[in-house]
Amino acid sequence: LRSLDHRPVAVEDTWLDGRFDGALTPERVSESLYRSYRDLLGLQIARAEDRLSAGALPGWAAARLGLPEGTMMGLARRRAFDADGRIAEVSTTWFDPARAAYVARIP
C-alpha cells in the first residue's frame, strides 16, 4: 500500500527473483523498498523498465484503497534489473490517477 499525506493512493504486487527467497519480511522492510533491497540483500537496482496503461483494480486490493473491485485504475508494470543486467524484480502497481500521478525514480 502506498500513501500520500496518509491517504492510500496505490497498491503494489512485487515479486523478487528466487535467489532472494525468504530474505525479506514485512517487519524488516523500510518505507523505501529499494533501500531495503540494498541494505538487507546487497541488491542494487541499476535500471528499470515501466509500462503504463490502465487496468481493473483486483479484489484483494479494493478495500485497501476504499474503491470497488474492478474500478479502472492507472496500471504500471515494472521490470527492474540488477547491476549485472539480470531481472531482479517484477511488480504491478494499481494507482488512482485522481489521487496521485505516477512518478518513477531509479535509484
PDB file of N, CA and C in Angstrom:
ATOM      1  N   LEU A   1       0.848  -1.181   0.000  1.00  0.00           N
ATOM      2  CA  LEU A   1       0.000   0.000   0.000  1.00  0.00           C
ATOM      3  C   LEU A   1       0.888   1.236   0.000  1.00  0.00           C
ATOM      4  N   ARG A   2       0.624   2.141  -0.902  1.00  0.00           N
ATOM      5  CA  ARG A   2       1.347   3.414  -0.977  1.00  0.00           C
ATOM      6  C   ARG A   2       0.387   4.541  -0.634  1.00  0.00           C
ATOM      7  N   SER A   3       0.873   5.499   0.144  1.00  0.00           N
ATOM      8  CA  SER A   3       0.030   6.606   0.591  1.00  0.00           C
ATOM      9  C   SER A   3       0.723   7.942   0.356  1.00  0.00           C
ATOM     10  N   LEU A   4      -0.080   8.982   0.200  1.00  0.00           N
ATOM     11  CA  LEU A   4       0.369  10.365   0.184  1.00  0.00           C
ATOM     12  C   LEU A   4      -0.416  11.105   1.239  1.00  0.00           C
ATOM     13  N   ASP A   5       0.271  11.819   2.106  1.00  0.00           N
ATOM     14  CA  ASP A   5      -0.395  12.535   3.199  1.00  0.00           C
ATOM     15  C   ASP A   5      -1.334  11.610   3.971  1.00  0.00           C
ATOM     16  N   HIS A   6      -0.883  10.387   4.199  1.00  0.00           N
ATOM     17  CA  HIS A   6      -1.630   9.369   4.952  1.00  0.00           C
ATOM     18  C   HIS A   6      -2.914   8.924   4.258  1.00  0.00           C
ATOM     19  N   ARG A   7      -3.026   9.180   2.964  1.00  0.00           N
ATOM     20  CA  ARG A   7      -4.195   8.774   2.178  1.00  0.00           C
ATOM     21  C   ARG A   7      -3.760   7.727   1.155  1.00  0.00           C
ATOM     22  N   PRO A   8      -4.343   6.531   1.189  1.00  0.00           N
ATOM     23  CA  PRO A   8      -3.949   5.492   0.230  1.00  0.00           C
ATOM     24  C   PRO A   8      -4.206   5.931  -1.211  1.00  0.00           C
ATOM     25  N   VAL A   9      -3.179   5.729  -2.064  1.00  0.00           N
ATOM     26  CA  VAL A   9      -3.291   6.116  -3.464  1.00  0.00           C
ATOM     27  C   VAL A   9      -2.934   4.987  -4.423  1.00  0.00           C
ATOM     28  N   ALA A  10      -2.246   3.951  -3.935  1.00  0.00           N
ATOM     29  CA  ALA A  10      -1.799   2.881  -4.823  1.00  0.00           C
ATOM     30  C   ALA A  10      -1.560   1.594  -4.043  1.00  0.00           C
ATOM     31  N   VAL A  11      -1.665   0.481  -4.747  1.00  0.00           N
ATOM     32  CA  VAL A  11      -1.284  -0.824  -4.201  1.00  0.00           C
ATOM     33  C   VAL A  11      -0.306  -1.466  -5.175  1.00  0.00           C
ATOM     34  N   GLU A  12       0.624  -2.242  -4.616  1.00  0.00           N
ATOM     35  CA  GLU A  12       1.646  -2.888  -5.433  1.00  0.00           C
ATOM     36  C   GLU A  12       1.688  -4.375  -5.141  1.00  0.00           C
ATOM     37  N   ASP A  13       1.976  -5.117  -6.170  1.00  0.00           N
ATOM     38  CA  ASP A  13       2.236  -6.545  -6.071  1.00  0.00           C
ATOM     39  C   ASP A  13       3.649  -6.743  -6.610  1.00  0.00           C
ATOM     40  N   THR A  14       4.599  -7.070  -5.729  1.00  0.00           N
ATOM     41  CA  THR A  14       6.007  -7.113  -6.096  1.00  0.00           C
ATOM     42  C   THR A  14       6.580  -8.502  -5.872  1.00  0.00           C
ATOM     43  N   TRP A  15       7.353  -8.967  -6.852  1.00  0.00           N
ATOM     44  CA  TRP A  15       7.998 -10.282  -6.776  1.00  0.00           C
ATOM     45  C   TRP A  15       9.491 -10.123  -7.014  1.00  0.00           C
ATOM     46  N   LEU A  16      10.281 -10.770  -6.163  1.00  0.00           N
ATOM     47  CA  LEU A  16      11.729 -10.793  -6.325  1.00  0.00           C
ATOM     48  C   LEU A  16      12.172 -12.090  -6.967  1.00  0.00           C
ATOM     49  N   ASP A  17      13.318 -12.046  -7.635  1.00  0.00           N
ATOM     50  CA  ASP A  17      13.925 -13.240  -8.189  1.00  0.00           C
ATOM     51  C   ASP A  17      14.142 -14.266  -7.069  1.00  0.00           C
ATOM     52  N   GLY A  18      14.045 -15.547  -7.400  1.00  0.00           N
ATOM     53  CA  GLY A  18      14.155 -16.626  -6.431  1.00  0.00           C
ATOM     54  C   GLY A  18      15.442 -16.657  -5.638  1.00  0.00           C
ATOM     55  N   ARG A  19      16.513 -16.033  -6.130  1.00  0.00           N
ATOM     56  CA  ARG A  19      17.767 -16.037  -5.362  1.00  0.00           C
ATOM     57  C   ARG A  19      17.640 -15.254  -4.061  1.00  0.00           C
ATOM     58  N   PHE A  20      16.576 -14.473  -3.911  1.00  0.00           N
ATOM     59  CA  PHE A  20      16.343 -13.701  -2.694  1.00  0.00           C
ATOM     60  C   PHE A  20      15.212 -14.284  -1.851  1.00  0.00           C
ATOM     61  N   ASP A  21      14.802 -15.500  -2.149  1.00  0.00           N
ATOM     62  CA  ASP A  21      13.662 -16.136  -1.487  1.00  0.00           C
ATOM     63  C   ASP A  21      13.825 -16.147   0.037  1.00  0.00           C
ATOM     64  N   GLY A  22      12.806 -15.638   0.719  1.00  0.00           N
ATOM     65  CA  GLY A  22      12.751 -15.663   2.176  1.00  0.00           C
ATOM     66  C   GLY A  22      13.629 -14.647   2.873  1.00  0.00           C
ATOM     67  N   ALA A  23      14.331 -13.813   2.129  1.00  0.00           N
ATOM     68  CA  ALA A  23      15.274 -12.882   2.736  1.00  0.00           C
ATOM     69  C   ALA A  23      14.620 -11.626   3.303  1.00  0.00           C
ATOM     70  N   LEU A  24      13.415 -11.301   2.861  1.00  0.00           N
ATOM     71  CA  LEU A  24      12.725 -10.104   3.354  1.00  0.00           C
ATOM     72  C   LEU A  24      11.464 -10.501   4.105  1.00  0.00           C
ATOM     73  N   THR A  25      11.185  -9.763   5.147  1.00  0.00           N
ATOM     74  CA  THR A  25       9.916  -9.901   5.855  1.00  0.00           C
ATOM     75  C   THR A  25       9.322  -8.504   5.987  1.00  0.00           C
ATOM     76  N   PRO A  26       8.008  -8.406   6.126  1.00  0.00           N
ATOM     77  CA  PRO A  26       7.398  -7.072   6.248  1.00  0.00           C
ATOM     78  C   PRO A  26       7.991  -6.237   7.388  1.00  0.00           C
ATOM     79  N   GLU A  27       8.391  -6.889   8.456  1.00  0.00           N
ATOM     80  CA  GLU A  27       8.941  -6.167   9.613  1.00  0.00           C
ATOM     81  C   GLU A  27      10.295  -5.523   9.299  1.00  0.00           C
ATOM     82  N   ARG A  28      11.002  -6.073   8.350  1.00  0.00           N
ATOM     83  CA  ARG A  28      12.351  -5.590   8.043  1.00  0.00           C
ATOM     84  C   ARG A  28      12.383  -4.549   6.930  1.00  0.00           C
ATOM     85  N   VAL A  29      11.306  -4.409   6.183  1.00  0.00           N
ATOM     86  CA  VAL A  29      11.289  -3.513   5.025  1.00  0.00           C
ATOM     87  C   VAL A  29      10.958  -2.091   5.474  1.00  0.00           C
ATOM     88  N   SER A  30      11.766  -1.136   5.011  1.00  0.00           N
ATOM     89  CA  SER A  30      11.520   0.270   5.340  1.00  0.00           C
ATOM     90  C   SER A  30      10.557   0.874   4.326  1.00  0.00           C
ATOM     91  N   GLU A  31      10.283   2.167   4.460  1.00  0.00           N
ATOM     92  CA  GLU A  31       9.405   2.850   3.505  1.00  0.00           C
ATOM     93  C   GLU A  31      10.009   2.868   2.106  1.00  0.00           C
ATOM     94  N   SER A  32      11.319   2.791   2.018  1.00  0.00           N
ATOM     95  CA  SER A  32      11.992   2.746   0.725  1.00  0.00           C
ATOM     96  C   SER A  32      12.330   1.301   0.407  1.00  0.00           C
ATOM     97  N   LEU A  33      11.576   0.713  -0.499  1.00  0.00           N
ATOM     98  CA  LEU A  33      11.782  -0.684  -0.850  1.00  0.00           C
ATOM     99  C   LEU A  33      13.173  -0.913  -1.432  1.00  0.00           C
ATOM    100  N   TYR A  34      13.624  -0.031  -2.325  1.00  0.00           N
ATOM    101  CA  TYR A  34      14.926  -0.235  -2.948  1.00  0.00           C
ATOM    102  C   TYR A  34      16.067  -0.028  -1.948  1.00  0.00           C
ATOM    103  N   ARG A  35      15.896   0.833  -0.958  1.00  0.00           N
ATOM    104  CA  ARG A  35      16.892   0.966   0.107  1.00  0.00           C
ATOM    105  C   ARG A  35      16.940  -0.319   0.920  1.00  0.00           C
ATOM    106  N   SER A  36      15.780  -0.918   1.168  1.00  0.00           N
ATOM    107  CA  SER A  36      15.745  -2.202   1.880  1.00  0.00           C
ATOM    108  C   SER A  36      16.457  -3.282   1.078  1.00  0.00           C
ATOM    109  N   TYR A  37      16.223  -3.316  -0.230  1.00  0.00           N
ATOM    110  CA  TYR A  37      16.927  -4.278  -1.073  1.00  0.00           C
ATOM    111  C   TYR A  37      18.443  -4.119  -0.908  1.00  0.00           C
ATOM    112  N   ARG A  38      18.896  -2.875  -0.976  1.00  0.00           N
ATOM    113  CA  ARG A  38      20.336  -2.597  -0.880  1.00  0.00           C
ATOM    114  C   ARG A  38      20.888  -2.988   0.490  1.00  0.00           C
ATOM    115  N   ASP A  39      20.215  -2.529   1.551  1.00  0.00           N
ATOM    116  CA  ASP A  39      20.737  -2.733   2.896  1.00  0.00           C
ATOM    117  C   ASP A  39      20.602  -4.164   3.396  1.00  0.00           C
ATOM    118  N   LEU A  40      19.526  -4.831   3.053  1.00  0.00           N
ATOM    119  CA  LEU A  40      19.256  -6.170   3.590  1.00  0.00           C
ATOM    120  C   LEU A  40      19.700  -7.303   2.667  1.00  0.00           C
ATOM    121  N   LEU A  41      19.728  -7.029   1.362  1.00  0.00           N
ATOM    122  CA  LEU A  41      20.025  -8.088   0.398  1.00  0.00           C
ATOM    123  C   LEU A  41      21.314  -7.868  -0.383  1.00  0.00           C
ATOM    124  N   GLY A  42      21.868  -6.666  -0.294  1.00  0.00           N
ATOM    125  CA  GLY A  42      23.017  -6.334  -1.133  1.00  0.00           C
ATOM    126  C   GLY A  42      22.628  -6.184  -2.590  1.00  0.00           C
ATOM    127  N   LEU A  43      21.348  -5.944  -2.858  1.00  0.00           N
ATOM    128  CA  LEU A  43      20.828  -5.813  -4.219  1.00  0.00           C
ATOM    129  C   LEU A  43      20.688  -4.343  -4.570  1.00  0.00           C
ATOM    130  N   GLN A  44      21.410  -3.921  -5.601  1.00  0.00           N
ATOM    131  CA  GLN A  44      21.289  -2.563  -6.102  1.00  0.00           C
ATOM    132  C   GLN A  44      20.534  -2.620  -7.427  1.00  0.00           C
ATOM    133  N   ILE A  45      19.382  -1.981  -7.488  1.00  0.00           N
ATOM    134  CA  ILE A  45      18.640  -1.894  -8.746  1.00  0.00           C
ATOM    135  C   ILE A  45      19.334  -0.856  -9.612  1.00  0.00           C
ATOM    136  N   ALA A  46      19.809  -1.293 -10.773  1.00  0.00           N
ATOM    137  CA  ALA A  46      20.566  -0.417 -11.663  1.00  0.00           C
ATOM    138  C   ALA A  46      19.672   0.305 -12.662  1.00  0.00           C
ATOM    139  N   ARG A  47      18.622  -0.369 -13.102  1.00  0.00           N
ATOM    140  CA  ARG A  47      17.704   0.260 -14.048  1.00  0.00           C
ATOM    141  C   ARG A  47      16.367  -0.454 -13.969  1.00  0.00           C
ATOM    142  N   ALA A  48      15.349   0.204 -14.509  1.00  0.00           N
ATOM    143  CA  ALA A  48      14.006  -0.374 -14.524  1.00  0.00           C
ATOM    144  C   ALA A  48      13.289   0.045 -15.793  1.00  0.00           C
ATOM    145  N   GLU A  49      12.349  -0.787 -16.172  1.00  0.00           N
ATOM    146  CA  GLU A  49      11.509  -0.518 -17.341  1.00  0.00           C
ATOM    147  C   GLU A  49      10.062  -0.547 -16.868  1.00  0.00           C
ATOM    148  N   ASP A  50       9.377   0.567 -17.021  1.00  0.00           N
ATOM    149  CA  ASP A  50       7.971   0.661 -16.649  1.00  0.00           C
ATOM    150  C   ASP A  50       7.118   0.741 -17.902  1.00  0.00           C
ATOM    151  N   ARG A  51       5.995   0.045 -17.874  1.00  0.00           N
ATOM    152  CA  ARG A  51       4.995   0.133 -18.947  1.00  0.00           C
ATOM    153  C   ARG A  51       3.689   0.582 -18.299  1.00  0.00           C
ATOM    154  N   LEU A  52       3.161   1.704 -18.754  1.00  0.00           N
ATOM    155  CA  LEU A  52       1.958   2.286 -18.165  1.00  0.00           C
ATOM    156  C   LEU A  52       0.752   2.042 -19.056  1.00  0.00           C
ATOM    157  N   SER A  53      -0.356   1.727 -18.401  1.00  0.00           N
ATOM    158  CA  SER A  53      -1.622   1.538 -19.090  1.00  0.00           C
ATOM    159  C   SER A  53      -2.732   1.745 -18.060  1.00  0.00           C
ATOM    160  N   ALA A  54      -3.863   1.142 -18.292  1.00  0.00           N
ATOM    161  CA  ALA A  54      -4.972   1.162 -17.343  1.00  0.00           C
ATOM    162  C   ALA A  54      -5.402  -0.280 -17.100  1.00  0.00           C
ATOM    163  N   GLY A  55      -5.958  -0.535 -15.920  1.00  0.00           N
ATOM    164  CA  GLY A  55      -6.412  -1.886 -15.609  1.00  0.00           C
ATOM    165  C   GLY A  55      -7.387  -1.875 -14.450  1.00  0.00           C
ATOM    166  N   ALA A  56      -8.136  -2.964 -14.331  1.00  0.00           N
ATOM    167  CA  ALA A  56      -9.146  -3.083 -13.282  1.00  0.00           C
ATOM    168  C   ALA A  56      -8.487  -3.403 -11.942  1.00  0.00           C
ATOM    169  N   LEU A  57      -8.946  -2.753 -10.896  1.00  0.00           N
ATOM    170  CA  LEU A  57      -8.451  -2.977  -9.538  1.00  0.00           C
ATOM    171  C   LEU A  57      -8.863  -4.375  -9.079  1.00  0.00           C
ATOM    172  N   PRO A  58      -7.893  -5.212  -8.665  1.00  0.00           N
ATOM    173  CA  PRO A  58      -8.239  -6.573  -8.237  1.00  0.00           C
ATOM    174  C   PRO A  58      -8.952  -6.581  -6.885  1.00  0.00           C
ATOM    175  N   GLY A  59      -9.691  -7.636  -6.647  1.00  0.00           N
ATOM    176  CA  GLY A  59     -10.467  -7.760  -5.418  1.00  0.00           C
ATOM    177  C   GLY A  59      -9.644  -7.655  -4.154  1.00  0.00           C
ATOM    178  N   TRP A  60      -8.436  -8.270  -4.136  1.00  0.00           N
ATOM    179  CA  TRP A  60      -7.617  -8.245  -2.923  1.00  0.00           C
ATOM    180  C   TRP A  60      -7.171  -6.834  -2.557  1.00  0.00           C
ATOM    181  N   ALA A  61      -7.185  -5.902  -3.515  1.00  0.00           N
ATOM    182  CA  ALA A  61      -6.679  -4.556  -3.281  1.00  0.00           C
ATOM    183  C   ALA A  61      -7.774  -3.520  -3.056  1.00  0.00           C
ATOM    184  N   ALA A  62      -9.002  -3.851  -3.406  1.00  0.00           N
ATOM    185  CA  ALA A  62     -10.082  -2.855  -3.404  1.00  0.00           C
ATOM    186  C   ALA A  62     -10.304  -2.225  -2.030  1.00  0.00           C
ATOM    187  N   ALA A  63     -10.414  -3.020  -0.997  1.00  0.00           N
ATOM    188  CA  ALA A  63     -10.675  -2.485   0.342  1.00  0.00           C
ATOM    189  C   ALA A  63      -9.533  -1.603   0.826  1.00  0.00           C
ATOM    190  N   ARG A  64      -8.315  -1.947   0.439  1.00  0.00           N
ATOM    191  CA  ARG A  64      -7.156  -1.153   0.876  1.00  0.00           C
ATOM    192  C   ARG A  64      -7.201   0.270   0.338  1.00  0.00           C
ATOM    193  N   LEU A  65      -7.769   0.433  -0.854  1.00  0.00           N
ATOM    194  CA  LEU A  65      -7.889   1.772  -1.432  1.00  0.00           C
ATOM    195  C   LEU A  65      -9.257   2.391  -1.200  1.00  0.00           C
ATOM    196  N   GLY A  66     -10.186   1.620  -0.650  1.00  0.00           N
ATOM    197  CA  GLY A  66     -11.525   2.128  -0.426  1.00  0.00           C
ATOM    198  C   GLY A  66     -12.297   2.334  -1.710  1.00  0.00           C
ATOM    199  N   LEU A  67     -12.010   1.504  -2.715  1.00  0.00           N
ATOM    200  CA  LEU A  67     -12.678   1.594  -4.018  1.00  0.00           C
ATOM    201  C   LEU A  67     -13.278   0.244  -4.374  1.00  0.00           C
ATOM    202  N   PRO A  68     -14.296   0.224  -5.207  1.00  0.00           N
ATOM    203  CA  PRO A  68     -14.896  -1.052  -5.600  1.00  0.00           C
ATOM    204  C   PRO A  68     -13.951  -1.896  -6.464  1.00  0.00           C
ATOM    205  N   GLU A  69     -14.038  -3.205  -6.300  1.00  0.00           N
ATOM    206  CA  GLU A  69     -13.311  -4.124  -7.168  1.00  0.00           C
ATOM    207  C   GLU A  69     -13.677  -3.832  -8.611  1.00  0.00           C
ATOM    208  N   GLY A  70     -12.700  -3.870  -9.485  1.00  0.00           N
ATOM    209  CA  GLY A  70     -12.943  -3.632 -10.904  1.00  0.00           C
ATOM    210  C   GLY A  70     -12.848  -2.177 -11.330  1.00  0.00           C
ATOM    211  N   THR A  71     -12.673  -1.254 -10.370  1.00  0.00           N
ATOM    212  CA  THR A  71     -12.504   0.152 -10.721  1.00  0.00           C
ATOM    213  C   THR A  71     -11.314   0.289 -11.666  1.00  0.00           C
ATOM    214  N   MET A  72     -11.481   1.021 -12.743  1.00  0.00           N
ATOM    215  CA  MET A  72     -10.363   1.240 -13.667  1.00  0.00           C
ATOM    216  C   MET A  72      -9.354   2.177 -13.014  1.00  0.00           C
ATOM    217  N   MET A  73      -8.094   1.748 -13.058  1.00  0.00           N
ATOM    218  CA  MET A  73      -7.009   2.461 -12.394  1.00  0.00           C
ATOM    219  C   MET A  73      -5.864   2.655 -13.378  1.00  0.00           C
ATOM    220  N   GLY A  74      -4.951   3.565 -13.027  1.00  0.00           N
ATOM    221  CA  GLY A  74      -3.677   3.595 -13.715  1.00  0.00           C
ATOM    222  C   GLY A  74      -2.948   2.310 -13.359  1.00  0.00           C
ATOM    223  N   LEU A  75      -2.196   1.761 -14.293  1.00  0.00           N
ATOM    224  CA  LEU A  75      -1.519   0.489 -14.087  1.00  0.00           C
ATOM    225  C   LEU A  75      -0.076   0.617 -14.565  1.00  0.00           C
ATOM    226  N   ALA A  76       0.869   0.312 -13.681  1.00  0.00           N
ATOM    227  CA  ALA A  76       2.293   0.341 -14.035  1.00  0.00           C
ATOM    228  C   ALA A  76       2.868  -1.054 -13.828  1.00  0.00           C
ATOM    229  N   ARG A  77       3.450  -1.588 -14.874  1.00  0.00           N
ATOM    230  CA  ARG A  77       4.136  -2.885 -14.789  1.00  0.00           C
ATOM    231  C   ARG A  77       5.628  -2.618 -14.936  1.00  0.00           C
ATOM    232  N   ARG A  78       6.395  -3.116 -13.963  1.00  0.00           N
ATOM    233  CA  ARG A  78       7.835  -2.835 -13.919  1.00  0.00           C
ATOM    234  C   ARG A  78       8.659  -4.105 -13.974  1.00  0.00           C
ATOM    235  N   ARG A  79       9.769  -4.008 -14.697  1.00  0.00           N
ATOM    236  CA  ARG A  79      10.850  -4.987 -14.615  1.00  0.00           C
ATOM    237  C   ARG A  79      12.070  -4.204 -14.165  1.00  0.00           C
ATOM    238  N   ALA A  80      12.676  -4.644 -13.060  1.00  0.00           N
ATOM    239  CA  ALA A  80      13.851  -3.963 -12.519  1.00  0.00           C
ATOM    240  C   ALA A  80      15.050  -4.896 -12.611  1.00  0.00           C
ATOM    241  N   PHE A  81      16.199  -4.320 -12.959  1.00  0.00           N
ATOM    242  CA  PHE A  81      17.393  -5.095 -13.252  1.00  0.00           C
ATOM    243  C   PHE A  81      18.518  -4.763 -12.280  1.00  0.00           C
ATOM    244  N   ASP A  82      19.305  -5.790 -11.930  1.00  0.00           N
ATOM    245  CA  ASP A  82      20.454  -5.579 -11.059  1.00  0.00           C
ATOM    246  C   ASP A  82      21.636  -5.061 -11.882  1.00  0.00           C
ATOM    247  N   ALA A  83      22.777  -4.865 -11.217  1.00  0.00           N
ATOM    248  CA  ALA A  83      23.958  -4.309 -11.873  1.00  0.00           C
ATOM    249  C   ALA A  83      24.495  -5.210 -12.981  1.00  0.00           C
ATOM    250  N   ASP A  84      24.179  -6.515 -12.927  1.00  0.00           N
ATOM    251  CA  ASP A  84      24.626  -7.451 -13.956  1.00  0.00           C
ATOM    252  C   ASP A  84      23.629  -7.578 -15.111  1.00  0.00           C
ATOM    253  N   GLY A  85      22.543  -6.790 -15.058  1.00  0.00           N
ATOM    254  CA  GLY A  85      21.553  -6.816 -16.123  1.00  0.00           C
ATOM    255  C   GLY A  85      20.508  -7.912 -15.988  1.00  0.00           C
ATOM    256  N   ARG A  86      20.519  -8.629 -14.850  1.00  0.00           N
ATOM    257  CA  ARG A  86      19.523  -9.686 -14.625  1.00  0.00           C
ATOM    258  C   ARG A  86      18.256  -9.086 -14.014  1.00  0.00           C
ATOM    259  N   ILE A  87      17.118  -9.622 -14.408  1.00  0.00           N
ATOM    260  CA  ILE A  87      15.869  -9.175 -13.799  1.00  0.00           C
ATOM    261  C   ILE A  87      15.875  -9.598 -12.332  1.00  0.00           C
ATOM    262  N   ALA A  88      15.709  -8.635 -11.442  1.00  0.00           N
ATOM    263  CA  ALA A  88      15.700  -8.905 -10.009  1.00  0.00           C
ATOM    264  C   ALA A  88      14.294  -8.778  -9.426  1.00  0.00           C
ATOM    265  N   GLU A  89      13.452  -7.974 -10.075  1.00  0.00           N
ATOM    266  CA  GLU A  89      12.124  -7.693  -9.526  1.00  0.00           C
ATOM    267  C   GLU A  89      11.148  -7.460 -10.669  1.00  0.00           C
ATOM    268  N   VAL A  90       9.926  -7.930 -10.473  1.00  0.00           N
ATOM    269  CA  VAL A  90       8.804  -7.547 -11.335  1.00  0.00           C
ATOM    270  C   VAL A  90       7.690  -7.070 -10.409  1.00  0.00           C
ATOM    271  N   SER A  91       6.997  -6.053 -10.827  1.00  0.00           N
ATOM    272  CA  SER A  91       5.925  -5.537  -9.980  1.00  0.00           C
ATOM    273  C   SER A  91       4.794  -4.989 -10.826  1.00  0.00           C
ATOM    274  N   THR A  92       3.633  -4.951 -10.219  1.00  0.00           N
ATOM    275  CA  THR A  92       2.449  -4.331 -10.805  1.00  0.00           C
ATOM    276  C   THR A  92       1.904  -3.358  -9.773  1.00  0.00           C
ATOM    277  N   THR A  93       1.645  -2.144 -10.201  1.00  0.00           N
ATOM    278  CA  THR A  93       1.100  -1.112  -9.324  1.00  0.00           C
ATOM    279  C   THR A  93      -0.193  -0.594  -9.920  1.00  0.00           C
ATOM    280  N   TRP A  94      -1.247  -0.622  -9.115  1.00  0.00           N
ATOM    281  CA  TRP A  94      -2.517  -0.006  -9.488  1.00  0.00           C
ATOM    282  C   TRP A  94      -2.572   1.307  -8.727  1.00  0.00           C
ATOM    283  N   PHE A  95      -2.753   2.423  -9.438  1.00  0.00           N
ATOM    284  CA  PHE A  95      -2.788   3.721  -8.767  1.00  0.00           C
ATOM    285  C   PHE A  95      -4.000   4.516  -9.232  1.00  0.00           C
ATOM    286  N   ASP A  96      -4.500   5.337  -8.333  1.00  0.00           N
ATOM    287  CA  ASP A  96      -5.666   6.163  -8.612  1.00  0.00           C
ATOM    288  C   ASP A  96      -5.190   7.495  -9.168  1.00  0.00           C
ATOM    289  N   PRO A  97      -5.343   7.730 -10.489  1.00  0.00           N
ATOM    290  CA  PRO A  97      -4.828   8.968 -11.072  1.00  0.00           C
ATOM    291  C   PRO A  97      -5.570  10.220 -10.590  1.00  0.00           C
ATOM    292  N   ALA A  98      -6.708  10.052  -9.936  1.00  0.00           N
ATOM    293  CA  ALA A  98      -7.394  11.206  -9.350  1.00  0.00           C
ATOM    294  C   ALA A  98      -6.738  11.622  -8.033  1.00  0.00           C
ATOM    295  N   ARG A  99      -5.948  10.714  -7.444  1.00  0.00           N
ATOM    296  CA  ARG A  99      -5.298  10.990  -6.161  1.00  0.00           C
ATOM    297  C   ARG A  99      -3.796  11.239  -6.297  1.00  0.00           C
ATOM    298  N   ALA A 100      -3.173  10.686  -7.346  1.00  0.00           N
ATOM    299  CA  ALA A 100      -1.725  10.790  -7.461  1.00  0.00           C
ATOM    300  C   ALA A 100      -1.271  10.593  -8.902  1.00  0.00           C
ATOM    301  N   ALA A 101      -0.153  11.185  -9.224  1.00  0.00           N
ATOM    302  CA  ALA A 101       0.498  10.954 -10.513  1.00  0.00           C
ATOM    303  C   ALA A 101       1.530   9.840 -10.312  1.00  0.00           C
ATOM    304  N   TYR A 102       1.808   9.103 -11.362  1.00  0.00           N
ATOM    305  CA  TYR A 102       2.832   8.066 -11.299  1.00  0.00           C
ATOM    306  C   TYR A 102       4.183   8.687 -11.595  1.00  0.00           C
ATOM    307  N   VAL A 103       5.105   8.539 -10.663  1.00  0.00           N
ATOM    308  CA  VAL A 103       6.470   9.079 -10.818  1.00  0.00           C
ATOM    309  C   VAL A 103       7.432   7.939 -10.488  1.00  0.00           C
ATOM    310  N   ALA A 104       8.433   7.735 -11.327  1.00  0.00           N
ATOM    311  CA  ALA A 104       9.440   6.711 -11.080  1.00  0.00           C
ATOM    312  C   ALA A 104      10.814   7.370 -11.061  1.00  0.00           C
ATOM    313  N   ARG A 105      11.602   7.031 -10.035  1.00  0.00           N
ATOM    314  CA  ARG A 105      12.987   7.481  -9.930  1.00  0.00           C
ATOM    315  C   ARG A 105      13.856   6.277  -9.641  1.00  0.00           C
ATOM    316  N   ILE A 106      14.853   6.062 -10.447  1.00  0.00           N
ATOM    317  CA  ILE A 106      15.764   4.934 -10.243  1.00  0.00           C
ATOM    318  C   ILE A 106      17.169   5.461 -10.209  1.00  0.00           C
ATOM    319  N   PRO A 107      17.936   5.205  -9.230  1.00  0.00           N
ATOM    320  CA  PRO A 107      17.566   4.692  -7.903  1.00  0.00           C
ATOM    321  C   PRO A 107      17.009   5.759  -7.011  1.00  0.00           C
TER     322      PRO A 107
END
